Amino acid sequence: MTPRFLQNLLLRYRATGFTAVFAPRKPRHPLVRLLFGLAGVALLAILLVFGVVIGAAMLAVGMALRLLGKPRRAVGRTGSGGTVLDGDYRVVDKPVLR
């Protein structure tokens, strides 16, 4: 592909007006800019508060379920009949680096 061909494609892409959709312009009036800035900060604060409230609620529900739920039995203390596996093990030395 030649550079002239790529420049032609780029000019055609820019001429379609499709790029204006993905490149929004800032408003020119200072009060409108300030209003949009304050709206963005307010939206960020609302999302932050909702996130903290939802996280705290999840922690509270988890702790309540743990306190009010049935106590769990310890794993591995099932006695003679159960899921205990018996095996023979041996220690393998570390390989020597050469």
C-alpha atoms as a PDB file:
ATOM      1  CA  MET A   1       0.000   0.000   0.000  1.00  0.00           C
ATOM      2  CA  THR A   2       1.349   3.342  -0.940  1.00  0.00           C
ATOM      3  CA  PRO A   3       1.281   6.349   1.350  1.00  0.00           C
ATOM      4  CA  ARG A   4      -0.845   8.225  -1.189  1.00  0.00           C
ATOM      5  CA  PHE A   5      -3.513   5.491  -1.031  1.00  0.00           C
ATOM      6  CA  LEU A   6      -3.565   5.639   2.783  1.00  0.00           C
ATOM      7  CA  GLN A   7      -3.841   9.433   2.734  1.00  0.00           C
ATOM      8  CA  ASN A   8      -6.765   9.144   0.322  1.00  0.00           C
ATOM      9  CA  LEU A   9      -8.513   6.683   2.665  1.00  0.00           C
ATOM     10  CA  LEU A  10      -7.921   8.961   5.634  1.00  0.00           C
ATOM     11  CA  LEU A  11      -9.351  11.965   3.811  1.00  0.00           C
ATOM     12  CA  ARG A  12     -12.420   9.972   2.769  1.00  0.00           C
ATOM     13  CA  TYR A  13     -12.936   8.807   6.356  1.00  0.00           C
ATOM     14  CA  ARG A  14     -12.719  12.364   7.702  1.00  0.00           C
ATOM     15  CA  ALA A  15     -15.050  13.703   5.033  1.00  0.00           C
ATOM     16  CA  THR A  16     -17.903  11.340   5.939  1.00  0.00           C
ATOM     17  CA  GLY A  17     -18.740  13.122   9.190  1.00  0.00           C
ATOM     18  CA  PHE A  18     -18.562   9.810  11.002  1.00  0.00           C
ATOM     19  CA  THR A  19     -15.681  11.048  13.149  1.00  0.00           C
ATOM     20  CA  ALA A  20     -17.870  13.759  14.678  1.00  0.00           C
ATOM     21  CA  VAL A  21     -19.844  11.076  16.497  1.00  0.00           C
ATOM     22  CA  PHE A  22     -16.778   9.921  18.419  1.00  0.00           C
ATOM     23  CA  ALA A  23     -15.246  13.350  19.026  1.00  0.00           C
ATOM     24  CA  PRO A  24     -17.740  15.386  21.039  1.00  0.00           C
ATOM     25  CA  ARG A  25     -16.940  19.067  21.422  1.00  0.00           C
ATOM     26  CA  LYS A  26     -16.942  20.952  24.701  1.00  0.00           C
ATOM     27  CA  PRO A  27     -19.585  23.632  25.024  1.00  0.00           C
ATOM     28  CA  ARG A  28     -18.219  27.147  24.537  1.00  0.00           C
ATOM     29  CA  HIS A  29     -20.236  28.965  27.171  1.00  0.00           C
ATOM     30  CA  PRO A  30     -18.417  28.972  30.552  1.00  0.00           C
ATOM     31  CA  LEU A  31     -21.582  28.466  32.595  1.00  0.00           C
ATOM     32  CA  VAL A  32     -22.584  25.420  30.530  1.00  0.00           C
ATOM     33  CA  ARG A  33     -19.079  23.998  31.007  1.00  0.00           C
ATOM     34  CA  LEU A  34     -19.363  24.577  34.744  1.00  0.00           C
ATOM     35  CA  LEU A  35     -22.807  22.949  34.795  1.00  0.00           C
ATOM     36  CA  PHE A  36     -21.532  19.853  32.975  1.00  0.00           C
ATOM     37  CA  GLY A  37     -18.531  19.680  35.306  1.00  0.00           C
ATOM     38  CA  LEU A  38     -20.711  19.856  38.396  1.00  0.00           C
ATOM     39  CA  ALA A  39     -23.071  17.249  36.953  1.00  0.00           C
ATOM     40  CA  GLY A  40     -20.111  14.925  36.378  1.00  0.00           C
ATOM     41  CA  VAL A  41     -18.830  15.396  39.933  1.00  0.00           C
ATOM     42  CA  ALA A  42     -22.338  14.812  41.317  1.00  0.00           C
ATOM     43  CA  LEU A  43     -22.715  11.624  39.263  1.00  0.00           C
ATOM     44  CA  LEU A  44     -19.332  10.412  40.501  1.00  0.00           C
ATOM     45  CA  ALA A  45     -20.308  11.117  44.120  1.00  0.00           C
ATOM     46  CA  ILE A  46     -23.629   9.289  43.728  1.00  0.00           C
ATOM     47  CA  LEU A  47     -21.920   6.233  42.243  1.00  0.00           C
ATOM     48  CA  LEU A  48     -19.337   6.274  45.031  1.00  0.00           C
ATOM     49  CA  VAL A  49     -21.994   6.424  47.745  1.00  0.00           C
ATOM     50  CA  PHE A  50     -24.012   3.617  46.134  1.00  0.00           C
ATOM     51  CA  GLY A  51     -20.889   1.482  45.867  1.00  0.00           C
ATOM     52  CA  VAL A  52     -19.975   1.997  49.522  1.00  0.00           C
ATOM     53  CA  VAL A  53     -23.556   1.303  50.681  1.00  0.00           C
ATOM     54  CA  ILE A  54     -23.823  -1.864  48.583  1.00  0.00           C
ATOM     55  CA  GLY A  55     -20.414  -3.086  49.781  1.00  0.00           C
ATOM     56  CA  ALA A  56     -21.293  -2.455  53.429  1.00  0.00           C
ATOM     57  CA  ALA A  57     -24.629  -4.249  52.973  1.00  0.00           C
ATOM     58  CA  MET A  58     -22.886  -7.260  51.440  1.00  0.00           C
ATOM     59  CA  LEU A  59     -20.439  -7.434  54.349  1.00  0.00           C
ATOM     60  CA  ALA A  60     -23.248  -7.101  56.900  1.00  0.00           C
ATOM     61  CA  VAL A  61     -25.327  -9.847  55.264  1.00  0.00           C
ATOM     62  CA  GLY A  62     -22.306 -12.142  55.073  1.00  0.00           C
ATOM     63  CA  MET A  63     -21.458 -11.627  58.722  1.00  0.00           C
ATOM     64  CA  ALA A  64     -25.101 -12.132  59.758  1.00  0.00           C
ATOM     65  CA  LEU A  65     -25.324 -15.378  57.793  1.00  0.00           C
ATOM     66  CA  ARG A  66     -22.131 -16.609  59.372  1.00  0.00           C
ATOM     67  CA  LEU A  67     -23.306 -15.764  62.889  1.00  0.00           C
ATOM     68  CA  LEU A  68     -26.849 -17.097  62.484  1.00  0.00           C
ATOM     69  CA  GLY A  69     -26.052 -20.110  60.327  1.00  0.00           C
ATOM     70  CA  LYS A  70     -25.302 -23.634  61.427  1.00  0.00           C
ATOM     71  CA  PRO A  71     -21.776 -24.225  62.702  1.00  0.00           C
ATOM     72  CA  ARG A  72     -19.609 -26.076  60.232  1.00  0.00           C
ATOM     73  CA  ARG A  73     -17.904 -29.303  61.131  1.00  0.00           C
ATOM     74  CA  ALA A  74     -14.143 -29.462  60.885  1.00  0.00           C
ATOM     75  CA  VAL A  75     -12.882 -31.151  57.742  1.00  0.00           C
ATOM     76  CA  GLY A  76     -10.906 -34.356  58.235  1.00  0.00           C
ATOM     77  CA  ARG A  77     -12.345 -35.349  61.602  1.00  0.00           C
ATOM     78  CA  THR A  78     -14.899 -37.809  60.332  1.00  0.00           C
ATOM     79  CA  GLY A  79     -13.704 -40.811  62.290  1.00  0.00           C
ATOM     80  CA  SER A  80     -13.243 -44.239  60.751  1.00  0.00           C
ATOM     81  CA  GLY A  81     -15.931 -44.204  58.065  1.00  0.00           C
ATOM     82  CA  GLY A  82     -15.724 -41.429  55.570  1.00  0.00           C
ATOM     83  CA  THR A  83     -13.584 -39.634  53.084  1.00  0.00           C
ATOM     84  CA  VAL A  84     -10.128 -40.099  54.562  1.00  0.00           C
ATOM     85  CA  LEU A  85      -7.492 -41.127  52.032  1.00  0.00           C
ATOM     86  CA  ASP A  86      -4.510 -43.178  53.065  1.00  0.00           C
ATOM     87  CA  GLY A  87      -1.274 -43.021  51.143  1.00  0.00           C
ATOM     88  CA  ASP A  88       2.497 -43.547  51.179  1.00  0.00           C
ATOM     89  CA  TYR A  89       4.737 -40.606  50.515  1.00  0.00           C
ATOM     90  CA  ARG A  90       8.427 -40.116  49.859  1.00  0.00           C
ATOM     91  CA  VAL A  91      10.577 -36.998  49.863  1.00  0.00           C
ATOM     92  CA  VAL A  92      12.169 -36.120  46.534  1.00  0.00           C
ATOM     93  CA  ASP A  93      15.492 -34.260  46.593  1.00  0.00           C
ATOM     94  CA  LYS A  94      15.896 -30.990  44.728  1.00  0.00           C
ATOM     95  CA  PRO A  95      17.411 -31.450  41.269  1.00  0.00           C
ATOM     96  CA  VAL A  96      21.042 -30.394  40.906  1.00  0.00           C
ATOM     97  CA  LEU A  97      21.508 -27.482  38.536  1.00  0.00           C
ATOM     98  CA  ARG A  98      24.228 -28.101  35.968  1.00  0.00           C
END
